[in-house]
Amino acid sequence: MTRLYKKSELSFSLVLIGAYVLLFSLSDAASETLGIPKAVTAAVGLIYTFFLFLFIRKNNLSKKYGLCKPEKITAADIVFFIVVLSANLWNGVELNLNVIETVLYIVSMLSVGYIEEVVFRGFLFKALQKDGIIIAVAVSSLTFGMGHIVNLLSGENILATLMQVCYATAIGFAFTVFFLKRASIIPCIVVHSLFNSLSAFSKQADADMQIVSAALLTAVPVIYGIFLIRKSDKILDN
């Protein structure tokens, strides 16, 4: 893997994405076959997370991929992260799974948050950045958002999936701009992981509320991302 990385960072990032989609799709299917949701997925997620962590540490890539302390955090950053983090609780709280299933779900979602941020905001974005900031931001965000189409394979309805693609793309855009401005993806990993995990306690909303929530989760990140771009000489200079 190190040889592939040194030869082509873009090819390396695409292999990571392909492996992630394939492994998690297969492990979700295997978990369902066992009758314990996320049982296999949680294990696969931990292994994949550990692999990425060791690869980055072994090759001294932590700073390059934003696994370091942010340069600064502003009030606008905090407000944005709180809005995203709380989204799955807007309609109320309820326990959707039993205790064991909840633990397995949270473990898998924590790993997903780490993996997706490192792969999409880290490896893919940095590989594309050489061709220009705009292209890198656009492709990283769109690829991250479109990747959620695979949720159709787990039984999600089309409308819910399309809404998720929209707000995931918007959040991906905001997180990428945050990385550019603050030189860190650690807050993005934390918020992404907790956002995913809190869905285990999310009360099912009616159709109208789902549309409103998706619209807000799309609009707020876009507004925040544009705000950061306008405030960032680092981005404009590139």
C-alpha atoms as a PDB file:
ATOM      1  CA  MET A   1       0.000   0.000   0.000  1.00  0.00           C
ATOM      2  CA  THR A   2       2.845   2.383   0.736  1.00  0.00           C
ATOM      3  CA  ARG A   3       4.244   1.771  -2.744  1.00  0.00           C
ATOM      4  CA  LEU A   4       0.862   2.586  -4.333  1.00  0.00           C
ATOM      5  CA  TYR A   5       0.561   5.722  -2.203  1.00  0.00           C
ATOM      6  CA  LYS A   6       3.977   6.980  -3.301  1.00  0.00           C
ATOM      7  CA  LYS A   7       3.216   6.174  -6.931  1.00  0.00           C
ATOM      8  CA  SER A   8      -0.209   7.856  -7.039  1.00  0.00           C
ATOM      9  CA  GLU A   9      -2.032   9.436  -4.107  1.00  0.00           C
ATOM     10  CA  LEU A  10      -5.206   9.663  -6.184  1.00  0.00           C
ATOM     11  CA  SER A  11      -5.164   5.961  -7.068  1.00  0.00           C
ATOM     12  CA  PHE A  12      -4.478   5.155  -3.431  1.00  0.00           C
ATOM     13  CA  SER A  13      -7.461   7.219  -2.268  1.00  0.00           C
ATOM     14  CA  LEU A  14      -9.746   5.595  -4.853  1.00  0.00           C
ATOM     15  CA  VAL A  15      -8.654   2.131  -3.703  1.00  0.00           C
ATOM     16  CA  LEU A  16      -9.457   3.141  -0.122  1.00  0.00           C
ATOM     17  CA  ILE A  17     -12.914   4.348  -1.144  1.00  0.00           C
ATOM     18  CA  GLY A  18     -13.635   1.216  -3.174  1.00  0.00           C
ATOM     19  CA  ALA A  19     -12.464  -1.048  -0.364  1.00  0.00           C
ATOM     20  CA  TYR A  20     -14.525   0.897   2.162  1.00  0.00           C
ATOM     21  CA  VAL A  21     -17.749   0.646   0.150  1.00  0.00           C
ATOM     22  CA  LEU A  22     -17.229  -3.043  -0.642  1.00  0.00           C
ATOM     23  CA  LEU A  23     -16.190  -4.129   2.854  1.00  0.00           C
ATOM     24  CA  PHE A  24     -18.967  -2.268   4.630  1.00  0.00           C
ATOM     25  CA  SER A  25     -21.626  -3.458   2.178  1.00  0.00           C
ATOM     26  CA  LEU A  26     -20.521  -7.069   2.619  1.00  0.00           C
ATOM     27  CA  SER A  27     -20.180  -6.763   6.397  1.00  0.00           C
ATOM     28  CA  ASP A  28     -23.663  -5.213   6.710  1.00  0.00           C
ATOM     29  CA  ALA A  29     -25.062  -8.124   4.705  1.00  0.00           C
ATOM     30  CA  ALA A  30     -23.141 -10.612   6.849  1.00  0.00           C
ATOM     31  CA  SER A  31     -24.434  -8.931  10.020  1.00  0.00           C
ATOM     32  CA  GLU A  32     -28.016  -9.255   8.806  1.00  0.00           C
ATOM     33  CA  THR A  33     -27.426 -12.921   7.981  1.00  0.00           C
ATOM     34  CA  LEU A  34     -26.231 -13.479  11.553  1.00  0.00           C
ATOM     35  CA  GLY A  35     -29.326 -11.709  12.812  1.00  0.00           C
ATOM     36  CA  ILE A  36     -27.292  -9.135  14.754  1.00  0.00           C
ATOM     37  CA  PRO A  37     -27.192  -5.752  12.963  1.00  0.00           C
ATOM     38  CA  LYS A  38     -23.689  -4.250  12.695  1.00  0.00           C
ATOM     39  CA  ALA A  39     -22.045  -7.238  14.441  1.00  0.00           C
ATOM     40  CA  VAL A  40     -19.606  -7.845  11.577  1.00  0.00           C
ATOM     41  CA  THR A  41     -19.607  -4.188  10.485  1.00  0.00           C
ATOM     42  CA  ALA A  42     -18.360  -3.005  13.873  1.00  0.00           C
ATOM     43  CA  ALA A  43     -15.397  -5.390  13.712  1.00  0.00           C
ATOM     44  CA  VAL A  44     -14.568  -4.490  10.109  1.00  0.00           C
ATOM     45  CA  GLY A  45     -14.859  -0.791  10.951  1.00  0.00           C
ATOM     46  CA  LEU A  46     -12.411  -1.070  13.825  1.00  0.00           C
ATOM     47  CA  ILE A  47      -9.918  -2.984  11.681  1.00  0.00           C
ATOM     48  CA  TYR A  48     -10.162  -0.460   8.827  1.00  0.00           C
ATOM     49  CA  THR A  49      -9.819   2.446  11.277  1.00  0.00           C
ATOM     50  CA  PHE A  50      -6.754   0.847  12.859  1.00  0.00           C
ATOM     51  CA  PHE A  51      -5.212   0.279   9.420  1.00  0.00           C
ATOM     52  CA  LEU A  52      -5.642   3.944   8.419  1.00  0.00           C
ATOM     53  CA  PHE A  53      -4.333   5.132  11.774  1.00  0.00           C
ATOM     54  CA  LEU A  54      -1.193   2.965  11.516  1.00  0.00           C
ATOM     55  CA  PHE A  55      -0.571   3.905   7.868  1.00  0.00           C
ATOM     56  CA  ILE A  56      -0.776   7.616   8.616  1.00  0.00           C
ATOM     57  CA  ARG A  57       1.366   7.359  11.719  1.00  0.00           C
ATOM     58  CA  LYS A  58       3.983   5.110  10.094  1.00  0.00           C
ATOM     59  CA  ASN A  59       4.415   7.527   7.186  1.00  0.00           C
ATOM     60  CA  ASN A  60       4.306  10.692   9.327  1.00  0.00           C
ATOM     61  CA  LEU A  61       1.230  12.025   7.525  1.00  0.00           C
ATOM     62  CA  SER A  62      -0.791  13.278  10.497  1.00  0.00           C
ATOM     63  CA  LYS A  63      -0.232  16.966   9.824  1.00  0.00           C
ATOM     64  CA  LYS A  64      -0.737  16.626   6.067  1.00  0.00           C
ATOM     65  CA  TYR A  65      -4.138  15.030   6.539  1.00  0.00           C
ATOM     66  CA  GLY A  66      -5.296  17.223   9.391  1.00  0.00           C
ATOM     67  CA  LEU A  67      -4.982  14.775  12.260  1.00  0.00           C
ATOM     68  CA  CYS A  68      -3.724  17.538  14.502  1.00  0.00           C
ATOM     69  CA  LYS A  69      -5.023  20.385  16.641  1.00  0.00           C
ATOM     70  CA  PRO A  70      -6.970  23.066  14.706  1.00  0.00           C
ATOM     71  CA  GLU A  71      -5.202  26.376  14.197  1.00  0.00           C
ATOM     72  CA  LYS A  72      -8.186  28.022  15.901  1.00  0.00           C
ATOM     73  CA  ILE A  73     -11.886  27.527  16.604  1.00  0.00           C
ATOM     74  CA  THR A  74     -14.334  30.418  16.310  1.00  0.00           C
ATOM     75  CA  ALA A  75     -17.868  30.927  17.596  1.00  0.00           C
ATOM     76  CA  ALA A  76     -19.186  30.371  14.066  1.00  0.00           C
ATOM     77  CA  ASP A  77     -17.414  27.000  13.938  1.00  0.00           C
ATOM     78  CA  ILE A  78     -18.930  25.938  17.247  1.00  0.00           C
ATOM     79  CA  VAL A  79     -22.458  26.999  16.263  1.00  0.00           C
ATOM     80  CA  PHE A  80     -22.179  25.124  12.969  1.00  0.00           C
ATOM     81  CA  PHE A  81     -20.924  21.944  14.602  1.00  0.00           C
ATOM     82  CA  ILE A  82     -23.664  22.073  17.257  1.00  0.00           C
ATOM     83  CA  VAL A  83     -26.358  22.412  14.571  1.00  0.00           C
ATOM     84  CA  VAL A  84     -25.034  19.395  12.670  1.00  0.00           C
ATOM     85  CA  LEU A  85     -24.406  17.360  15.805  1.00  0.00           C
ATOM     86  CA  SER A  86     -27.931  17.885  17.145  1.00  0.00           C
ATOM     87  CA  ALA A  87     -29.766  17.207  13.872  1.00  0.00           C
ATOM     88  CA  ASN A  88     -30.653  13.585  14.608  1.00  0.00           C
ATOM     89  CA  LEU A  89     -32.362  14.652  17.831  1.00  0.00           C
ATOM     90  CA  TRP A  90     -34.522  17.448  16.419  1.00  0.00           C
ATOM     91  CA  ASN A  91     -37.617  15.273  16.326  1.00  0.00           C
ATOM     92  CA  GLY A  92     -37.122  13.757  19.769  1.00  0.00           C
ATOM     93  CA  VAL A  93     -35.291  10.836  21.359  1.00  0.00           C
ATOM     94  CA  GLU A  94     -36.094   7.161  21.569  1.00  0.00           C
ATOM     95  CA  LEU A  95     -34.154   3.901  21.832  1.00  0.00           C
ATOM     96  CA  ASN A  96     -34.362   2.211  18.439  1.00  0.00           C
ATOM     97  CA  LEU A  97     -32.224  -0.858  19.229  1.00  0.00           C
ATOM     98  CA  ASN A  98     -31.563  -3.140  22.167  1.00  0.00           C
ATOM     99  CA  VAL A  99     -28.457  -2.569  24.288  1.00  0.00           C
ATOM    100  CA  ILE A 100     -26.105  -4.896  22.385  1.00  0.00           C
ATOM    101  CA  GLU A 101     -27.301  -3.657  19.002  1.00  0.00           C
ATOM    102  CA  THR A 102     -26.907  -0.057  20.175  1.00  0.00           C
ATOM    103  CA  VAL A 103     -23.307  -0.648  21.254  1.00  0.00           C
ATOM    104  CA  LEU A 104     -22.445  -2.365  17.960  1.00  0.00           C
ATOM    105  CA  TYR A 105     -24.163   0.390  15.987  1.00  0.00           C
ATOM    106  CA  ILE A 106     -22.275   3.142  17.839  1.00  0.00           C
ATOM    107  CA  VAL A 107     -18.933   1.365  17.378  1.00  0.00           C
ATOM    108  CA  SER A 108     -19.534   1.011  13.650  1.00  0.00           C
ATOM    109  CA  MET A 109     -20.696   4.630  13.319  1.00  0.00           C
ATOM    110  CA  LEU A 110     -17.676   5.954  15.208  1.00  0.00           C
ATOM    111  CA  SER A 111     -15.407   4.090  12.820  1.00  0.00           C
ATOM    112  CA  VAL A 112     -17.377   5.326   9.809  1.00  0.00           C
ATOM    113  CA  GLY A 113     -16.906   8.931  10.943  1.00  0.00           C
ATOM    114  CA  TYR A 114     -13.158   8.467  11.203  1.00  0.00           C
ATOM    115  CA  ILE A 115     -12.791   6.517   7.968  1.00  0.00           C
ATOM    116  CA  GLU A 116     -14.904   8.821   5.824  1.00  0.00           C
ATOM    117  CA  GLU A 117     -13.229  11.992   7.071  1.00  0.00           C
ATOM    118  CA  VAL A 118      -9.723  10.603   6.627  1.00  0.00           C
ATOM    119  CA  VAL A 119     -10.468   9.150   3.188  1.00  0.00           C
ATOM    120  CA  PHE A 120     -12.653  11.886   1.644  1.00  0.00           C
ATOM    121  CA  ARG A 121     -11.431  15.000   3.462  1.00  0.00           C
ATOM    122  CA  GLY A 122      -7.896  13.680   3.786  1.00  0.00           C
ATOM    123  CA  PHE A 123      -6.522  11.373   1.108  1.00  0.00           C
ATOM    124  CA  LEU A 124      -8.914  12.187  -1.759  1.00  0.00           C
ATOM    125  CA  PHE A 125      -8.971  15.945  -1.191  1.00  0.00           C
ATOM    126  CA  LYS A 126      -5.213  16.269  -0.840  1.00  0.00           C
ATOM    127  CA  ALA A 127      -4.639  14.133  -3.928  1.00  0.00           C
ATOM    128  CA  LEU A 128      -6.913  16.421  -5.960  1.00  0.00           C
ATOM    129  CA  GLN A 129      -5.685  19.667  -4.432  1.00  0.00           C
ATOM    130  CA  LYS A 130      -2.691  19.659  -6.785  1.00  0.00           C
ATOM    131  CA  ASP A 131      -5.126  20.293  -9.667  1.00  0.00           C
ATOM    132  CA  GLY A 132      -6.761  23.261  -7.931  1.00  0.00           C
ATOM    133  CA  ILE A 133      -8.749  24.070  -4.819  1.00  0.00           C
ATOM    134  CA  ILE A 134     -12.121  24.404  -6.539  1.00  0.00           C
ATOM    135  CA  ILE A 135     -11.865  21.031  -8.260  1.00  0.00           C
ATOM    136  CA  ALA A 136     -10.638  19.372  -5.071  1.00  0.00           C
ATOM    137  CA  VAL A 137     -13.441  20.804  -2.925  1.00  0.00           C
ATOM    138  CA  ALA A 138     -16.121  19.987  -5.506  1.00  0.00           C
ATOM    139  CA  VAL A 139     -15.018  16.402  -6.193  1.00  0.00           C
ATOM    140  CA  SER A 140     -14.381  15.588  -2.531  1.00  0.00           C
ATOM    141  CA  SER A 141     -17.800  16.927  -1.505  1.00  0.00           C
ATOM    142  CA  LEU A 142     -19.760  15.378  -4.374  1.00  0.00           C
ATOM    143  CA  THR A 143     -18.048  11.999  -4.055  1.00  0.00           C
ATOM    144  CA  PHE A 144     -18.786  11.930  -0.341  1.00  0.00           C
ATOM    145  CA  GLY A 145     -22.421  12.855  -0.907  1.00  0.00           C
ATOM    146  CA  MET A 146     -23.011  10.487  -3.811  1.00  0.00           C
ATOM    147  CA  GLY A 147     -21.462   7.660  -1.825  1.00  0.00           C
ATOM    148  CA  HIS A 148     -24.601   7.606   0.336  1.00  0.00           C
ATOM    149  CA  ILE A 149     -26.578   6.193  -2.588  1.00  0.00           C
ATOM    150  CA  VAL A 150     -25.363   2.765  -1.433  1.00  0.00           C
ATOM    151  CA  ASN A 151     -27.867   3.109   1.425  1.00  0.00           C
ATOM    152  CA  LEU A 152     -30.477   2.011  -1.098  1.00  0.00           C
ATOM    153  CA  LEU A 153     -28.923  -1.446  -0.816  1.00  0.00           C
ATOM    154  CA  SER A 154     -29.857  -1.562   2.872  1.00  0.00           C
ATOM    155  CA  GLY A 155     -33.510  -0.835   2.241  1.00  0.00           C
ATOM    156  CA  GLU A 156     -33.668   2.985   2.460  1.00  0.00           C
ATOM    157  CA  ASN A 157     -36.378   4.556   0.298  1.00  0.00           C
ATOM    158  CA  ILE A 158     -35.388   6.678  -2.668  1.00  0.00           C
ATOM    159  CA  LEU A 159     -36.569  10.046  -1.336  1.00  0.00           C
ATOM    160  CA  ALA A 160     -34.811   9.642   2.011  1.00  0.00           C
ATOM    161  CA  THR A 161     -31.629   8.581   0.231  1.00  0.00           C
ATOM    162  CA  LEU A 162     -31.715  11.527  -2.182  1.00  0.00           C
ATOM    163  CA  MET A 163     -32.192  13.936   0.716  1.00  0.00           C
ATOM    164  CA  GLN A 164     -29.259  12.320   2.496  1.00  0.00           C
ATOM    165  CA  VAL A 165     -27.113  12.714  -0.620  1.00  0.00           C
ATOM    166  CA  CYS A 166     -27.970  16.434  -0.700  1.00  0.00           C
ATOM    167  CA  TYR A 167     -27.162  17.233   2.905  1.00  0.00           C
ATOM    168  CA  ALA A 168     -24.141  14.911   2.972  1.00  0.00           C
ATOM    169  CA  THR A 169     -22.710  16.792  -0.017  1.00  0.00           C
ATOM    170  CA  ALA A 170     -23.360  20.110   1.729  1.00  0.00           C
ATOM    171  CA  ILE A 171     -21.785  18.935   4.986  1.00  0.00           C
ATOM    172  CA  GLY A 172     -18.852  17.500   3.027  1.00  0.00           C
ATOM    173  CA  PHE A 173     -18.370  20.910   1.425  1.00  0.00           C
ATOM    174  CA  ALA A 174     -18.392  22.688   4.795  1.00  0.00           C
ATOM    175  CA  PHE A 175     -16.040  20.159   6.405  1.00  0.00           C
ATOM    176  CA  THR A 176     -13.604  20.440   3.491  1.00  0.00           C
ATOM    177  CA  VAL A 177     -13.538  24.227   3.715  1.00  0.00           C
ATOM    178  CA  PHE A 178     -13.053  23.924   7.479  1.00  0.00           C
ATOM    179  CA  PHE A 179     -10.021  21.704   6.824  1.00  0.00           C
ATOM    180  CA  LEU A 180      -8.613  24.299   4.451  1.00  0.00           C
ATOM    181  CA  LYS A 181      -9.144  27.120   6.934  1.00  0.00           C
ATOM    182  CA  ARG A 182      -8.236  25.385  10.195  1.00  0.00           C
ATOM    183  CA  ALA A 183      -5.737  22.761   8.935  1.00  0.00           C
ATOM    184  CA  SER A 184      -7.470  20.018  10.920  1.00  0.00           C
ATOM    185  CA  ILE A 185     -10.165  17.386  10.419  1.00  0.00           C
ATOM    186  CA  ILE A 186     -10.319  16.294  14.052  1.00  0.00           C
ATOM    187  CA  PRO A 187     -13.447  18.362  14.871  1.00  0.00           C
ATOM    188  CA  CYS A 188     -15.026  17.008  11.674  1.00  0.00           C
ATOM    189  CA  ILE A 189     -14.250  13.439  12.749  1.00  0.00           C
ATOM    190  CA  VAL A 190     -15.760  14.022  16.192  1.00  0.00           C
ATOM    191  CA  VAL A 191     -18.930  15.691  14.901  1.00  0.00           C
ATOM    192  CA  HIS A 192     -19.356  13.215  12.019  1.00  0.00           C
ATOM    193  CA  SER A 193     -18.924  10.213  14.317  1.00  0.00           C
ATOM    194  CA  LEU A 194     -21.312  11.528  16.967  1.00  0.00           C
ATOM    195  CA  PHE A 195     -23.860  12.636  14.361  1.00  0.00           C
ATOM    196  CA  ASN A 196     -23.905   9.090  12.975  1.00  0.00           C
ATOM    197  CA  SER A 197     -24.033   7.513  16.431  1.00  0.00           C
ATOM    198  CA  LEU A 198     -26.920   9.676  17.659  1.00  0.00           C
ATOM    199  CA  SER A 199     -29.108   8.307  14.872  1.00  0.00           C
ATOM    200  CA  ALA A 200     -29.482   5.247  17.112  1.00  0.00           C
ATOM    201  CA  PHE A 201     -31.570   7.462  19.410  1.00  0.00           C
ATOM    202  CA  SER A 202     -33.380   9.454  16.729  1.00  0.00           C
ATOM    203  CA  LYS A 203     -37.164   9.459  16.798  1.00  0.00           C
ATOM    204  CA  GLN A 204     -38.685   8.826  13.384  1.00  0.00           C
ATOM    205  CA  ALA A 205     -39.974  12.063  11.871  1.00  0.00           C
ATOM    206  CA  ASP A 206     -42.954  12.397   9.557  1.00  0.00           C
ATOM    207  CA  ALA A 207     -42.383  13.114   5.858  1.00  0.00           C
ATOM    208  CA  ASP A 208     -42.743  16.889   6.179  1.00  0.00           C
ATOM    209  CA  MET A 209     -40.289  17.091   9.073  1.00  0.00           C
ATOM    210  CA  GLN A 210     -37.785  14.950   7.179  1.00  0.00           C
ATOM    211  CA  ILE A 211     -37.896  17.393   4.269  1.00  0.00           C
ATOM    212  CA  VAL A 212     -37.510  20.415   6.566  1.00  0.00           C
ATOM    213  CA  SER A 213     -34.597  18.795   8.420  1.00  0.00           C
ATOM    214  CA  ALA A 214     -32.862  17.837   5.160  1.00  0.00           C
ATOM    215  CA  ALA A 215     -33.324  21.375   3.827  1.00  0.00           C
ATOM    216  CA  LEU A 216     -31.793  22.888   6.970  1.00  0.00           C
ATOM    217  CA  LEU A 217     -28.932  20.376   6.958  1.00  0.00           C
ATOM    218  CA  THR A 218     -28.223  21.379   3.375  1.00  0.00           C
ATOM    219  CA  ALA A 219     -28.587  25.145   3.745  1.00  0.00           C
ATOM    220  CA  VAL A 220     -26.666  25.661   6.994  1.00  0.00           C
ATOM    221  CA  PRO A 221     -23.428  23.936   5.861  1.00  0.00           C
ATOM    222  CA  VAL A 222     -23.502  25.754   2.504  1.00  0.00           C
ATOM    223  CA  ILE A 223     -23.935  29.126   4.220  1.00  0.00           C
ATOM    224  CA  TYR A 224     -21.217  28.296   6.742  1.00  0.00           C
ATOM    225  CA  GLY A 225     -18.824  27.078   4.037  1.00  0.00           C
ATOM    226  CA  ILE A 226     -19.329  30.234   1.950  1.00  0.00           C
ATOM    227  CA  PHE A 227     -18.811  32.323   5.075  1.00  0.00           C
ATOM    228  CA  LEU A 228     -15.474  30.600   5.710  1.00  0.00           C
ATOM    229  CA  ILE A 229     -14.396  31.037   2.094  1.00  0.00           C
ATOM    230  CA  ARG A 230     -15.131  34.756   2.181  1.00  0.00           C
ATOM    231  CA  LYS A 231     -13.156  35.083   5.418  1.00  0.00           C
ATOM    232  CA  SER A 232     -10.226  32.947   4.289  1.00  0.00           C
ATOM    233  CA  ASP A 233      -7.286  34.514   2.512  1.00  0.00           C
ATOM    234  CA  LYS A 234      -5.670  31.060   2.504  1.00  0.00           C
ATOM    235  CA  ILE A 235      -8.419  29.678   0.288  1.00  0.00           C
ATOM    236  CA  LEU A 236      -8.680  32.686  -1.999  1.00  0.00           C
ATOM    237  CA  ASP A 237      -4.929  32.850  -2.503  1.00  0.00           C
ATOM    238  CA  ASN A 238      -4.928  29.269  -3.776  1.00  0.00           C
END
